[in-house]
């Protein structure tokens, strides 16, 4: 089942993000201008601040371990990619933000694993980090119209598979369980419906291209 301590505060945070995201996307399309770049960079700074606070918390406050403190989960990498994309919206960075944000991070938004209550720092890190990635993906692609290029699905899939292979090697070397490659998550998630370990890894590999293609369909219809 979903693990969340402050459901009211979490739902309110999601609602605020939905309103803010809708306003930003509609505003950027209807009233383009200098402010749209400033808004993107402000969002990027917020994401960078979350990434920095996570690193500070694991390194300074500790205890730091190679098996559990490295910023290797895909959401951590997506956070950094999204922050950079908000400042420098290079096509590949935006594509990764779009596909990782909506195919991966959105799942963490829908099935949150939060064992701390509002207003704990970790609550803000989780909420701002995860909702911020999704918001960045929508704002860059829908609001600023930096749409995925042809072939983006397979570029993203190849990069994801390559990165997962790298993380698997780190797991084997450190005894960690980054990206749940060695054991399933404790709380319910999308992986829970993809079968037991290790079969859900193969299932996810099959499901991922389908999700990516679905996220790419709107752009192929408008850009044949």
N, C-alpha and C. Protein backbone atom coordinates (compact mmCIF):
# COMPACT_ATOMS: atom_id res chain seq x y z
N UNK A 1 0.84 -1.19 0.00
CA UNK A 1 0.00 0.00 0.00
C UNK A 1 0.87 1.25 0.00
N UNK A 2 0.29 2.40 -0.38
CA UNK A 2 1.02 3.65 -0.44
C UNK A 2 1.38 4.10 0.97
N UNK A 3 2.64 4.47 1.18
CA UNK A 3 3.10 4.93 2.49
C UNK A 3 3.16 6.46 2.48
N UNK A 4 2.29 7.10 3.27
CA UNK A 4 2.29 8.55 3.36
C UNK A 4 1.73 8.96 4.72
N UNK A 5 2.47 9.84 5.41
CA UNK A 5 2.11 10.22 6.77
C UNK A 5 1.16 11.41 6.80
N UNK A 6 1.34 12.37 5.92
CA UNK A 6 0.49 13.58 5.91
C UNK A 6 -0.28 13.66 4.60
N UNK A 7 -1.33 12.84 4.46
CA UNK A 7 -2.04 12.83 3.17
C UNK A 7 -2.68 14.16 2.81
N UNK A 8 -3.21 14.88 3.81
CA UNK A 8 -3.84 16.16 3.52
C UNK A 8 -2.86 17.17 2.96
N UNK A 9 -1.70 17.28 3.60
CA UNK A 9 -0.68 18.22 3.14
C UNK A 9 -0.15 17.81 1.77
N UNK A 10 -0.04 16.50 1.54
CA UNK A 10 0.48 16.03 0.26
C UNK A 10 -0.51 16.32 -0.87
N UNK A 11 -1.78 16.03 -0.64
CA UNK A 11 -2.80 16.30 -1.65
C UNK A 11 -2.87 17.79 -1.96
N UNK A 12 -2.76 18.62 -0.92
CA UNK A 12 -2.77 20.07 -1.13
C UNK A 12 -1.57 20.50 -1.97
N UNK A 13 -0.41 19.89 -1.73
CA UNK A 13 0.78 20.21 -2.51
C UNK A 13 0.60 19.85 -3.97
N UNK A 14 0.01 18.69 -4.22
CA UNK A 14 -0.24 18.26 -5.60
C UNK A 14 -1.22 19.22 -6.27
N UNK A 15 -2.25 19.62 -5.55
CA UNK A 15 -3.24 20.55 -6.10
C UNK A 15 -2.60 21.89 -6.47
N UNK A 16 -1.74 22.39 -5.59
CA UNK A 16 -1.04 23.65 -5.88
C UNK A 16 -0.17 23.51 -7.11
N UNK A 17 0.53 22.37 -7.23
CA UNK A 17 1.39 22.14 -8.39
C UNK A 17 0.58 22.08 -9.68
N UNK A 18 -0.60 21.46 -9.62
CA UNK A 18 -1.47 21.37 -10.80
C UNK A 18 -1.91 22.76 -11.24
N UNK A 19 -2.33 23.58 -10.28
CA UNK A 19 -2.76 24.94 -10.61
C UNK A 19 -1.60 25.76 -11.16
N UNK A 20 -0.45 25.68 -10.48
CA UNK A 20 0.72 26.44 -10.92
C UNK A 20 1.19 25.99 -12.30
N UNK A 21 1.22 24.68 -12.51
CA UNK A 21 1.66 24.15 -13.80
C UNK A 21 0.73 24.55 -14.93
N UNK A 22 -0.56 24.48 -14.67
CA UNK A 22 -1.53 24.89 -15.69
C UNK A 22 -1.37 26.36 -16.03
N UNK A 23 -1.22 27.18 -14.98
CA UNK A 23 -1.05 28.62 -15.21
C UNK A 23 0.21 28.94 -15.98
N UNK A 24 1.31 28.27 -15.65
CA UNK A 24 2.57 28.51 -16.35
C UNK A 24 2.49 28.10 -17.82
N UNK A 25 1.93 26.92 -18.07
CA UNK A 25 1.86 26.44 -19.45
C UNK A 25 0.94 27.30 -20.31
N UNK A 26 -0.23 27.63 -19.77
CA UNK A 26 -1.16 28.46 -20.53
C UNK A 26 -0.58 29.86 -20.73
N UNK A 27 0.01 30.41 -19.67
CA UNK A 27 0.59 31.74 -19.77
C UNK A 27 1.73 31.81 -20.77
N UNK A 28 2.59 30.78 -20.78
CA UNK A 28 3.73 30.78 -21.69
C UNK A 28 3.29 30.70 -23.15
N UNK A 29 2.23 29.97 -23.41
CA UNK A 29 1.75 29.83 -24.79
C UNK A 29 0.99 31.07 -25.26
N UNK A 30 0.25 31.67 -24.35
CA UNK A 30 -0.57 32.83 -24.75
C UNK A 30 0.18 34.15 -24.66
N UNK A 31 1.12 34.22 -23.73
CA UNK A 31 1.84 35.48 -23.52
C UNK A 31 3.35 35.23 -23.44
N UNK A 32 3.95 34.78 -24.54
CA UNK A 32 5.40 34.50 -24.52
C UNK A 32 6.19 35.78 -24.29
N UNK A 33 7.36 35.61 -23.72
CA UNK A 33 8.20 36.77 -23.45
C UNK A 33 9.35 36.40 -22.53
N UNK A 34 10.09 37.40 -22.10
CA UNK A 34 11.25 37.21 -21.25
C UNK A 34 10.90 36.48 -19.96
N UNK A 35 9.69 36.71 -19.45
CA UNK A 35 9.29 36.13 -18.17
C UNK A 35 9.29 34.60 -18.22
N UNK A 36 9.05 34.02 -19.40
CA UNK A 36 8.98 32.56 -19.48
C UNK A 36 10.33 31.92 -19.18
N UNK A 37 11.42 32.57 -19.65
CA UNK A 37 12.76 32.07 -19.35
C UNK A 37 13.09 32.24 -17.88
N UNK A 38 12.68 33.37 -17.30
CA UNK A 38 12.92 33.60 -15.88
C UNK A 38 12.18 32.58 -15.03
N UNK A 39 10.95 32.25 -15.43
CA UNK A 39 10.17 31.25 -14.69
C UNK A 39 10.85 29.88 -14.76
N UNK A 40 11.35 29.53 -15.94
CA UNK A 40 12.05 28.25 -16.10
C UNK A 40 13.29 28.19 -15.22
N UNK A 41 14.03 29.28 -15.18
CA UNK A 41 15.25 29.30 -14.37
C UNK A 41 14.94 29.28 -12.88
N UNK A 42 13.85 29.91 -12.49
CA UNK A 42 13.45 29.86 -11.08
C UNK A 42 13.10 28.43 -10.68
N UNK A 43 12.40 27.73 -11.57
CA UNK A 43 12.08 26.33 -11.32
C UNK A 43 13.35 25.50 -11.27
N UNK A 44 14.30 25.78 -12.16
CA UNK A 44 15.57 25.07 -12.15
C UNK A 44 16.33 25.28 -10.86
N UNK A 45 16.30 26.51 -10.34
CA UNK A 45 16.97 26.79 -9.06
C UNK A 45 16.33 26.02 -7.92
N UNK A 46 15.00 25.93 -7.93
CA UNK A 46 14.30 25.17 -6.88
C UNK A 46 14.70 23.70 -6.92
N UNK A 47 14.79 23.13 -8.12
CA UNK A 47 15.20 21.74 -8.26
C UNK A 47 16.65 21.54 -7.84
N UNK A 48 17.52 22.48 -8.22
CA UNK A 48 18.92 22.40 -7.82
C UNK A 48 19.07 22.49 -6.31
N UNK A 49 18.24 23.32 -5.68
CA UNK A 49 18.30 23.46 -4.22
C UNK A 49 17.92 22.15 -3.54
N UNK A 50 16.92 21.46 -4.09
CA UNK A 50 16.53 20.17 -3.53
C UNK A 50 17.66 19.17 -3.67
N UNK A 51 18.27 19.12 -4.86
CA UNK A 51 19.39 18.20 -5.08
C UNK A 51 20.54 18.48 -4.12
N UNK A 52 20.85 19.76 -3.95
CA UNK A 52 21.95 20.14 -3.04
C UNK A 52 21.63 19.76 -1.60
N UNK A 53 20.37 19.95 -1.20
CA UNK A 53 19.99 19.64 0.19
C UNK A 53 20.05 18.14 0.44
N UNK A 54 19.69 17.32 -0.56
CA UNK A 54 19.78 15.88 -0.41
C UNK A 54 21.24 15.45 -0.25
N UNK A 55 22.10 16.01 -1.08
CA UNK A 55 23.52 15.67 -0.99
C UNK A 55 24.10 16.11 0.35
N UNK A 56 23.77 17.33 0.77
CA UNK A 56 24.25 17.84 2.06
C UNK A 56 23.77 16.96 3.20
N UNK A 57 22.54 16.54 3.12
CA UNK A 57 21.96 15.73 4.20
C UNK A 57 22.66 14.38 4.32
N UNK A 58 22.98 13.76 3.18
CA UNK A 58 23.60 12.44 3.22
C UNK A 58 25.08 12.51 3.54
N UNK A 59 25.77 13.58 3.09
CA UNK A 59 27.22 13.68 3.30
C UNK A 59 27.54 14.29 4.66
N UNK A 60 26.90 15.40 4.99
CA UNK A 60 27.23 16.13 6.21
C UNK A 60 26.57 15.51 7.44
N UNK A 61 25.27 15.23 7.33
CA UNK A 61 24.56 14.70 8.49
C UNK A 61 24.76 13.21 8.65
N UNK A 62 24.95 12.51 7.50
CA UNK A 62 25.28 11.09 7.52
C UNK A 62 24.20 10.23 8.16
N UNK A 63 24.53 8.94 8.40
CA UNK A 63 25.79 8.32 7.98
C UNK A 63 25.82 8.03 6.48
N UNK A 64 26.92 8.42 5.82
CA UNK A 64 27.05 8.21 4.39
C UNK A 64 27.56 6.81 4.11
N UNK A 65 26.92 6.11 3.16
CA UNK A 65 27.38 4.80 2.73
C UNK A 65 27.29 4.71 1.22
N UNK A 66 28.22 3.99 0.63
CA UNK A 66 28.19 3.81 -0.83
C UNK A 66 26.98 2.99 -1.25
N UNK A 67 26.47 2.17 -0.33
CA UNK A 67 25.34 1.30 -0.66
C UNK A 67 24.00 2.03 -0.64
N UNK A 68 23.94 3.21 -0.02
CA UNK A 68 22.63 3.85 0.08
C UNK A 68 22.60 5.35 -0.08
N UNK A 69 23.75 6.00 -0.19
CA UNK A 69 23.78 7.47 -0.18
C UNK A 69 24.14 8.12 -1.51
N UNK A 70 24.44 7.33 -2.52
CA UNK A 70 24.79 7.89 -3.82
C UNK A 70 23.52 8.37 -4.55
N UNK A 71 23.59 9.47 -5.28
CA UNK A 71 22.41 9.98 -6.01
C UNK A 71 22.18 9.22 -7.31
N UNK A 72 21.92 7.90 -7.18
CA UNK A 72 21.80 7.06 -8.35
C UNK A 72 20.38 6.68 -8.77
N UNK A 73 19.37 6.73 -7.87
CA UNK A 73 18.01 6.45 -8.33
C UNK A 73 17.64 7.34 -9.51
N UNK A 74 16.85 6.83 -10.41
CA UNK A 74 16.54 7.57 -11.63
C UNK A 74 15.88 8.92 -11.33
N UNK A 75 15.08 8.99 -10.27
CA UNK A 75 14.46 10.26 -9.91
C UNK A 75 15.52 11.29 -9.51
N UNK A 76 16.59 10.85 -8.87
CA UNK A 76 17.68 11.76 -8.49
C UNK A 76 18.37 12.32 -9.73
N UNK A 77 18.61 11.43 -10.70
CA UNK A 77 19.25 11.87 -11.94
C UNK A 77 18.30 12.77 -12.72
N UNK A 78 17.01 12.40 -12.75
CA UNK A 78 16.02 13.23 -13.45
C UNK A 78 15.94 14.62 -12.82
N UNK A 79 16.11 14.69 -11.51
CA UNK A 79 16.09 15.98 -10.82
C UNK A 79 17.20 16.89 -11.33
N UNK A 80 18.40 16.34 -11.45
CA UNK A 80 19.53 17.13 -11.93
C UNK A 80 19.37 17.49 -13.40
N UNK A 81 18.93 16.52 -14.20
CA UNK A 81 18.72 16.79 -15.64
C UNK A 81 17.66 17.87 -15.83
N UNK A 82 16.57 17.79 -15.07
CA UNK A 82 15.49 18.77 -15.20
C UNK A 82 15.97 20.16 -14.78
N UNK A 83 16.76 20.22 -13.70
CA UNK A 83 17.28 21.51 -13.24
C UNK A 83 18.15 22.16 -14.32
N UNK A 84 19.02 21.36 -14.94
CA UNK A 84 19.89 21.88 -16.00
C UNK A 84 19.06 22.27 -17.22
N UNK A 85 18.06 21.45 -17.57
CA UNK A 85 17.23 21.73 -18.74
C UNK A 85 16.45 23.03 -18.58
N UNK A 86 16.08 23.37 -17.36
CA UNK A 86 15.35 24.62 -17.14
C UNK A 86 16.23 25.83 -17.42
N UNK A 87 17.54 25.68 -17.27
CA UNK A 87 18.47 26.78 -17.57
C UNK A 87 18.99 26.72 -19.00
N UNK A 88 19.28 25.50 -19.46
CA UNK A 88 19.79 25.31 -20.82
C UNK A 88 18.94 24.23 -21.50
N UNK A 89 17.83 24.63 -22.12
CA UNK A 89 16.88 23.65 -22.68
C UNK A 89 17.38 22.99 -23.97
N UNK A 90 18.53 22.32 -23.88
CA UNK A 90 19.02 21.55 -25.02
C UNK A 90 18.03 20.43 -25.32
N UNK A 91 17.82 20.09 -26.59
CA UNK A 91 16.80 19.10 -26.95
C UNK A 91 16.91 17.78 -26.18
N UNK A 92 18.12 17.23 -26.05
CA UNK A 92 18.25 15.95 -25.36
C UNK A 92 17.88 16.07 -23.89
N UNK A 93 18.28 17.14 -23.23
CA UNK A 93 17.95 17.34 -21.82
C UNK A 93 16.44 17.46 -21.63
N UNK A 94 15.79 18.18 -22.53
CA UNK A 94 14.33 18.33 -22.44
C UNK A 94 13.64 16.99 -22.70
N UNK A 95 14.14 16.24 -23.66
CA UNK A 95 13.55 14.93 -23.95
C UNK A 95 13.65 14.00 -22.75
N UNK A 96 14.82 13.95 -22.12
CA UNK A 96 14.98 13.11 -20.93
C UNK A 96 14.08 13.58 -19.80
N UNK A 97 13.97 14.89 -19.62
CA UNK A 97 13.08 15.42 -18.58
C UNK A 97 11.65 15.03 -18.85
N UNK A 98 11.21 15.12 -20.10
CA UNK A 98 9.84 14.78 -20.47
C UNK A 98 9.54 13.30 -20.23
N UNK A 99 10.35 12.44 -20.79
CA UNK A 99 10.07 11.01 -20.69
C UNK A 99 10.33 10.46 -19.29
N UNK A 100 11.43 10.83 -18.66
CA UNK A 100 11.69 10.35 -17.30
C UNK A 100 10.69 10.95 -16.32
N UNK A 101 10.35 12.22 -16.53
CA UNK A 101 9.43 12.87 -15.62
C UNK A 101 8.05 12.27 -15.65
N UNK A 102 7.50 12.01 -16.85
CA UNK A 102 6.12 11.54 -16.95
C UNK A 102 6.00 10.03 -16.94
N UNK A 103 7.03 9.32 -17.38
CA UNK A 103 6.98 7.85 -17.35
C UNK A 103 7.49 7.29 -16.02
N UNK A 104 8.33 8.06 -15.33
CA UNK A 104 8.93 7.55 -14.10
C UNK A 104 8.54 8.33 -12.86
N UNK A 105 8.93 9.60 -12.81
CA UNK A 105 8.70 10.39 -11.59
C UNK A 105 7.22 10.56 -11.29
N UNK A 106 6.39 10.65 -12.31
CA UNK A 106 4.94 10.79 -12.07
C UNK A 106 4.39 9.61 -11.29
N UNK A 107 4.98 8.43 -11.51
CA UNK A 107 4.56 7.25 -10.76
C UNK A 107 4.84 7.42 -9.27
N UNK A 108 5.98 8.08 -8.94
CA UNK A 108 6.33 8.34 -7.54
C UNK A 108 5.40 9.40 -6.95
N UNK A 109 4.88 10.28 -7.79
CA UNK A 109 3.91 11.27 -7.31
C UNK A 109 2.58 10.60 -6.99
N UNK A 110 2.17 9.67 -7.86
CA UNK A 110 0.88 8.98 -7.68
C UNK A 110 0.95 7.99 -6.52
N UNK A 111 2.10 7.34 -6.34
CA UNK A 111 2.26 6.37 -5.25
C UNK A 111 3.40 6.82 -4.35
N UNK A 112 3.19 7.87 -3.56
CA UNK A 112 4.28 8.43 -2.74
C UNK A 112 4.73 7.48 -1.63
N UNK A 113 6.01 7.52 -1.34
CA UNK A 113 6.60 6.76 -0.23
C UNK A 113 7.17 7.77 0.76
N UNK A 114 6.30 8.33 1.59
CA UNK A 114 6.67 9.39 2.52
C UNK A 114 6.40 8.93 3.95
N UNK A 115 7.47 8.74 4.72
CA UNK A 115 7.30 8.30 6.10
C UNK A 115 7.54 9.42 7.10
N UNK A 116 7.52 10.67 6.63
CA UNK A 116 7.65 11.82 7.52
C UNK A 116 6.47 12.75 7.28
N UNK A 117 6.16 13.55 8.29
CA UNK A 117 4.99 14.43 8.19
C UNK A 117 5.40 15.86 7.85
N UNK A 118 4.48 16.60 7.27
CA UNK A 118 4.64 18.03 7.07
C UNK A 118 4.77 18.68 8.45
N UNK A 119 5.72 19.62 8.69
CA UNK A 119 6.60 20.29 7.73
C UNK A 119 8.05 19.81 7.79
N UNK A 120 8.27 18.52 7.92
CA UNK A 120 9.63 17.98 7.96
C UNK A 120 10.36 18.31 6.65
N UNK A 121 11.68 18.53 6.74
CA UNK A 121 12.48 18.88 5.57
C UNK A 121 12.35 17.84 4.48
N UNK A 122 12.36 16.56 4.86
CA UNK A 122 12.28 15.49 3.86
C UNK A 122 10.95 15.55 3.11
N UNK A 123 9.90 15.99 3.79
CA UNK A 123 8.60 16.15 3.13
C UNK A 123 8.73 17.16 1.99
N UNK A 124 9.36 18.31 2.27
CA UNK A 124 9.53 19.34 1.25
C UNK A 124 10.46 18.85 0.14
N UNK A 125 11.50 18.12 0.50
CA UNK A 125 12.41 17.59 -0.51
C UNK A 125 11.68 16.66 -1.47
N UNK A 126 10.88 15.79 -0.92
CA UNK A 126 10.14 14.83 -1.74
C UNK A 126 9.13 15.54 -2.63
N UNK A 127 8.35 16.42 -2.02
CA UNK A 127 7.28 17.10 -2.75
C UNK A 127 7.84 18.02 -3.83
N UNK A 128 8.76 18.90 -3.43
CA UNK A 128 9.32 19.86 -4.40
C UNK A 128 10.12 19.12 -5.47
N UNK A 129 10.89 18.11 -5.06
CA UNK A 129 11.70 17.38 -6.02
C UNK A 129 10.87 16.65 -7.05
N UNK A 130 9.93 15.83 -6.61
CA UNK A 130 9.14 15.02 -7.54
C UNK A 130 8.14 15.86 -8.34
N UNK A 131 7.39 16.70 -7.65
CA UNK A 131 6.44 17.54 -8.37
C UNK A 131 7.17 18.52 -9.29
N UNK A 132 8.35 18.98 -8.85
CA UNK A 132 9.12 19.91 -9.67
C UNK A 132 9.59 19.30 -10.97
N UNK A 133 9.98 18.02 -10.95
CA UNK A 133 10.41 17.35 -12.18
C UNK A 133 9.25 17.27 -13.17
N UNK A 134 8.09 16.86 -12.67
CA UNK A 134 6.91 16.75 -13.54
C UNK A 134 6.52 18.12 -14.07
N UNK A 135 6.55 19.12 -13.19
CA UNK A 135 6.20 20.48 -13.61
C UNK A 135 7.19 20.99 -14.66
N UNK A 136 8.48 20.71 -14.47
CA UNK A 136 9.49 21.13 -15.44
C UNK A 136 9.25 20.47 -16.80
N UNK A 137 8.92 19.17 -16.78
CA UNK A 137 8.67 18.46 -18.03
C UNK A 137 7.51 19.09 -18.79
N UNK A 138 6.43 19.37 -18.09
CA UNK A 138 5.26 19.95 -18.74
C UNK A 138 5.52 21.38 -19.20
N UNK A 139 6.21 22.15 -18.38
CA UNK A 139 6.45 23.55 -18.73
C UNK A 139 7.37 23.67 -19.94
N UNK A 140 8.44 22.88 -19.96
CA UNK A 140 9.39 22.96 -21.07
C UNK A 140 8.77 22.51 -22.39
N UNK A 141 7.99 21.42 -22.32
CA UNK A 141 7.46 20.84 -23.55
C UNK A 141 6.13 21.46 -23.97
N UNK A 142 5.20 21.59 -23.03
CA UNK A 142 3.88 22.12 -23.36
C UNK A 142 3.89 23.65 -23.36
N UNK A 143 4.52 24.24 -22.34
CA UNK A 143 4.53 25.70 -22.24
C UNK A 143 5.49 26.36 -23.19
N UNK A 144 6.76 25.94 -23.15
CA UNK A 144 7.78 26.56 -24.00
C UNK A 144 7.89 25.89 -25.37
N UNK A 145 7.19 24.77 -25.54
CA UNK A 145 7.10 24.07 -26.82
C UNK A 145 8.44 23.59 -27.36
N UNK A 146 9.31 23.14 -26.45
CA UNK A 146 10.56 22.47 -26.85
C UNK A 146 10.22 20.98 -26.95
N UNK A 147 9.65 20.57 -28.05
CA UNK A 147 9.08 19.23 -28.16
C UNK A 147 10.13 18.18 -28.53
N UNK A 148 9.89 16.93 -28.12
CA UNK A 148 10.82 15.84 -28.46
C UNK A 148 10.99 15.68 -29.97
N UNK A 149 12.20 15.41 -30.38
CA UNK A 149 12.50 15.22 -31.80
C UNK A 149 12.20 13.78 -32.22
N UNK A 150 12.14 13.59 -33.53
CA UNK A 150 11.97 12.23 -34.03
C UNK A 150 13.13 11.36 -33.54
N UNK A 151 12.80 10.16 -33.08
CA UNK A 151 13.81 9.25 -32.54
C UNK A 151 14.06 9.43 -31.05
N UNK A 152 13.34 10.37 -30.43
CA UNK A 152 13.56 10.64 -29.00
C UNK A 152 13.24 9.43 -28.13
N UNK A 153 12.23 8.66 -28.54
CA UNK A 153 11.85 7.48 -27.75
C UNK A 153 13.02 6.52 -27.63
N UNK A 154 13.64 6.21 -28.73
CA UNK A 154 14.70 5.19 -28.69
C UNK A 154 16.00 5.74 -28.13
N UNK A 155 16.24 7.04 -28.29
CA UNK A 155 17.39 7.65 -27.61
C UNK A 155 17.21 7.55 -26.10
N UNK A 156 16.02 7.92 -25.64
CA UNK A 156 15.76 7.88 -24.20
C UNK A 156 15.82 6.45 -23.67
N UNK A 157 15.26 5.52 -24.43
CA UNK A 157 15.27 4.11 -23.99
C UNK A 157 16.70 3.59 -23.90
N UNK A 158 17.50 3.88 -24.91
CA UNK A 158 18.89 3.41 -24.91
C UNK A 158 19.68 4.01 -23.75
N UNK A 159 19.49 5.29 -23.50
CA UNK A 159 20.19 5.94 -22.39
C UNK A 159 19.74 5.34 -21.06
N UNK A 160 18.44 5.06 -20.94
CA UNK A 160 17.90 4.50 -19.70
C UNK A 160 18.44 3.10 -19.45
N UNK A 161 18.47 2.28 -20.50
CA UNK A 161 19.00 0.92 -20.36
C UNK A 161 20.48 0.96 -20.01
N UNK A 162 21.23 1.83 -20.68
CA UNK A 162 22.65 1.96 -20.37
C UNK A 162 22.88 2.41 -18.94
N UNK A 163 22.08 3.39 -18.50
CA UNK A 163 22.24 3.88 -17.13
C UNK A 163 21.85 2.80 -16.12
N UNK A 164 20.79 2.07 -16.41
CA UNK A 164 20.36 1.00 -15.50
C UNK A 164 21.44 -0.07 -15.38
N UNK A 165 22.09 -0.38 -16.48
CA UNK A 165 23.18 -1.36 -16.45
C UNK A 165 24.32 -0.86 -15.56
N UNK A 166 24.63 0.42 -15.67
CA UNK A 166 25.66 1.02 -14.82
C UNK A 166 25.27 0.93 -13.35
N UNK A 167 24.01 1.26 -13.05
CA UNK A 167 23.55 1.21 -11.66
C UNK A 167 23.58 -0.23 -11.14
N UNK A 168 23.24 -1.19 -12.01
CA UNK A 168 23.31 -2.59 -11.60
C UNK A 168 24.73 -2.98 -11.20
N UNK A 169 25.71 -2.47 -11.92
CA UNK A 169 27.11 -2.76 -11.58
C UNK A 169 27.48 -2.13 -10.25
N UNK A 170 26.97 -0.92 -9.99
CA UNK A 170 27.24 -0.26 -8.70
C UNK A 170 26.58 -1.04 -7.58
N UNK A 171 25.35 -1.52 -7.80
CA UNK A 171 24.67 -2.33 -6.80
C UNK A 171 25.49 -3.57 -6.45
N UNK A 172 26.00 -4.23 -7.48
CA UNK A 172 26.78 -5.45 -7.26
C UNK A 172 28.06 -5.15 -6.50
N UNK A 173 28.67 -3.98 -6.76
CA UNK A 173 29.94 -3.64 -6.11
C UNK A 173 29.76 -3.16 -4.69
N UNK A 174 28.64 -2.48 -4.41
CA UNK A 174 28.45 -1.88 -3.08
C UNK A 174 27.48 -2.64 -2.18
N UNK A 175 26.71 -3.56 -2.78
CA UNK A 175 25.68 -4.23 -1.99
C UNK A 175 24.43 -3.38 -1.84
N UNK A 176 24.32 -2.31 -2.63
CA UNK A 176 23.16 -1.44 -2.56
C UNK A 176 21.99 -1.98 -3.35
N UNK A 177 20.91 -1.20 -3.35
CA UNK A 177 19.71 -1.61 -4.09
C UNK A 177 19.14 -0.40 -4.83
N UNK A 178 20.02 0.35 -5.48
CA UNK A 178 19.57 1.50 -6.25
C UNK A 178 18.67 1.05 -7.39
N UNK A 179 17.58 1.79 -7.59
CA UNK A 179 16.59 1.50 -8.63
C UNK A 179 15.90 0.15 -8.41
N UNK A 180 15.99 -0.38 -7.19
CA UNK A 180 15.33 -1.63 -6.82
C UNK A 180 15.70 -2.78 -7.76
N UNK A 181 16.97 -2.83 -8.12
CA UNK A 181 17.43 -3.88 -9.03
C UNK A 181 17.74 -5.18 -8.29
N UNK A 182 17.86 -5.11 -6.96
CA UNK A 182 18.19 -6.33 -6.20
C UNK A 182 17.06 -6.81 -5.31
N UNK A 183 16.07 -5.95 -5.03
CA UNK A 183 14.91 -6.33 -4.22
C UNK A 183 13.82 -5.30 -4.45
N UNK A 184 12.55 -5.68 -4.23
CA UNK A 184 11.45 -4.76 -4.51
C UNK A 184 11.32 -3.69 -3.44
N UNK A 185 10.65 -2.56 -3.76
CA UNK A 185 10.43 -1.51 -2.76
C UNK A 185 9.52 -2.01 -1.65
N UNK A 186 9.67 -1.43 -0.45
CA UNK A 186 8.89 -1.87 0.70
C UNK A 186 7.42 -1.52 0.55
N UNK A 187 7.11 -0.38 -0.04
CA UNK A 187 5.71 0.04 -0.21
C UNK A 187 5.25 -0.24 -1.63
N UNK A 188 3.95 -0.16 -1.83
CA UNK A 188 3.37 -0.46 -3.14
C UNK A 188 3.83 0.56 -4.17
N UNK A 189 4.13 0.08 -5.37
CA UNK A 189 4.48 0.95 -6.48
C UNK A 189 4.09 0.24 -7.76
N UNK A 190 4.37 0.88 -8.89
CA UNK A 190 4.05 0.26 -10.18
C UNK A 190 4.75 -1.08 -10.34
N UNK A 191 5.94 -1.21 -9.74
CA UNK A 191 6.67 -2.47 -9.84
C UNK A 191 5.90 -3.62 -9.22
N UNK A 192 5.01 -3.29 -8.27
CA UNK A 192 4.25 -4.32 -7.57
C UNK A 192 3.33 -5.09 -8.51
N UNK A 193 2.93 -4.48 -9.62
CA UNK A 193 2.02 -5.16 -10.54
C UNK A 193 2.77 -5.79 -11.71
N UNK A 194 4.10 -5.67 -11.69
CA UNK A 194 4.90 -6.21 -12.79
C UNK A 194 5.54 -7.55 -12.46
N UNK A 195 5.15 -8.12 -11.31
CA UNK A 195 5.66 -9.43 -10.94
C UNK A 195 6.69 -9.37 -9.84
N UNK A 196 7.11 -10.51 -9.31
CA UNK A 196 8.11 -10.55 -8.25
C UNK A 196 9.50 -10.28 -8.80
N UNK A 197 10.44 -9.99 -7.87
CA UNK A 197 11.84 -9.85 -8.28
C UNK A 197 12.36 -11.21 -8.70
N UNK A 198 13.18 -11.34 -9.72
CA UNK A 198 13.69 -10.28 -10.60
C UNK A 198 12.85 -10.06 -11.85
N UNK A 199 11.69 -10.73 -11.91
CA UNK A 199 10.90 -10.69 -13.14
C UNK A 199 10.37 -9.30 -13.44
N UNK A 200 10.17 -8.47 -12.39
CA UNK A 200 9.64 -7.14 -12.68
C UNK A 200 10.65 -6.28 -13.45
N UNK A 201 11.92 -6.65 -13.39
CA UNK A 201 12.92 -5.91 -14.17
C UNK A 201 12.69 -6.14 -15.66
N UNK A 202 12.46 -7.42 -16.03
CA UNK A 202 12.17 -7.73 -17.43
C UNK A 202 10.84 -7.12 -17.85
N UNK A 203 9.85 -7.17 -16.96
CA UNK A 203 8.54 -6.59 -17.30
C UNK A 203 8.64 -5.09 -17.52
N UNK A 204 9.41 -4.42 -16.64
CA UNK A 204 9.58 -2.97 -16.78
C UNK A 204 10.29 -2.62 -18.07
N UNK A 205 11.24 -3.48 -18.47
CA UNK A 205 11.96 -3.24 -19.73
C UNK A 205 11.01 -3.32 -20.91
N UNK A 206 9.98 -4.16 -20.81
CA UNK A 206 8.99 -4.26 -21.87
C UNK A 206 7.96 -3.15 -21.83
N UNK A 207 7.60 -2.71 -20.62
CA UNK A 207 6.59 -1.68 -20.46
C UNK A 207 7.15 -0.30 -20.82
N UNK A 208 8.41 -0.07 -20.51
CA UNK A 208 9.01 1.26 -20.71
C UNK A 208 8.85 1.79 -22.13
N UNK A 209 9.20 1.01 -23.18
CA UNK A 209 9.04 1.55 -24.54
C UNK A 209 7.60 1.92 -24.87
N UNK A 210 6.65 1.15 -24.32
CA UNK A 210 5.24 1.44 -24.58
C UNK A 210 4.86 2.80 -23.99
N UNK A 211 5.29 3.05 -22.75
CA UNK A 211 5.01 4.34 -22.12
C UNK A 211 5.67 5.48 -22.89
N UNK A 212 6.91 5.26 -23.31
CA UNK A 212 7.63 6.30 -24.05
C UNK A 212 6.94 6.61 -25.37
N UNK A 213 6.50 5.57 -26.07
CA UNK A 213 5.82 5.78 -27.34
C UNK A 213 4.52 6.55 -27.13
N UNK A 214 3.77 6.21 -26.10
CA UNK A 214 2.52 6.91 -25.81
C UNK A 214 2.77 8.39 -25.52
N UNK A 215 3.86 8.67 -24.80
CA UNK A 215 4.19 10.07 -24.49
C UNK A 215 4.69 10.82 -25.72
N UNK A 216 5.11 10.07 -26.74
CA UNK A 216 5.65 10.68 -27.95
C UNK A 216 4.58 10.88 -29.03
N UNK A 217 3.47 10.17 -28.92
CA UNK A 217 2.43 10.20 -29.94
C UNK A 217 1.95 11.61 -30.30
N UNK A 218 1.66 12.48 -29.31
CA UNK A 218 1.16 13.82 -29.68
C UNK A 218 2.10 14.59 -30.59
N UNK A 219 3.39 14.38 -30.45
CA UNK A 219 4.36 15.14 -31.24
C UNK A 219 4.54 14.55 -32.63
N UNK A 220 4.34 13.25 -32.76
CA UNK A 220 4.44 12.65 -34.08
C UNK A 220 3.21 13.00 -34.92
N UNK A 221 2.08 13.24 -34.26
CA UNK A 221 0.88 13.62 -35.00
C UNK A 221 0.97 15.05 -35.50
N UNK A 222 1.65 15.91 -34.72
CA UNK A 222 1.77 17.31 -35.11
C UNK A 222 3.02 17.57 -35.94
N UNK A 223 4.01 16.66 -35.84
CA UNK A 223 5.26 16.83 -36.59
C UNK A 223 5.58 15.54 -37.33
N UNK A 224 4.90 15.27 -38.44
CA UNK A 224 5.10 14.00 -39.17
C UNK A 224 6.52 13.89 -39.70
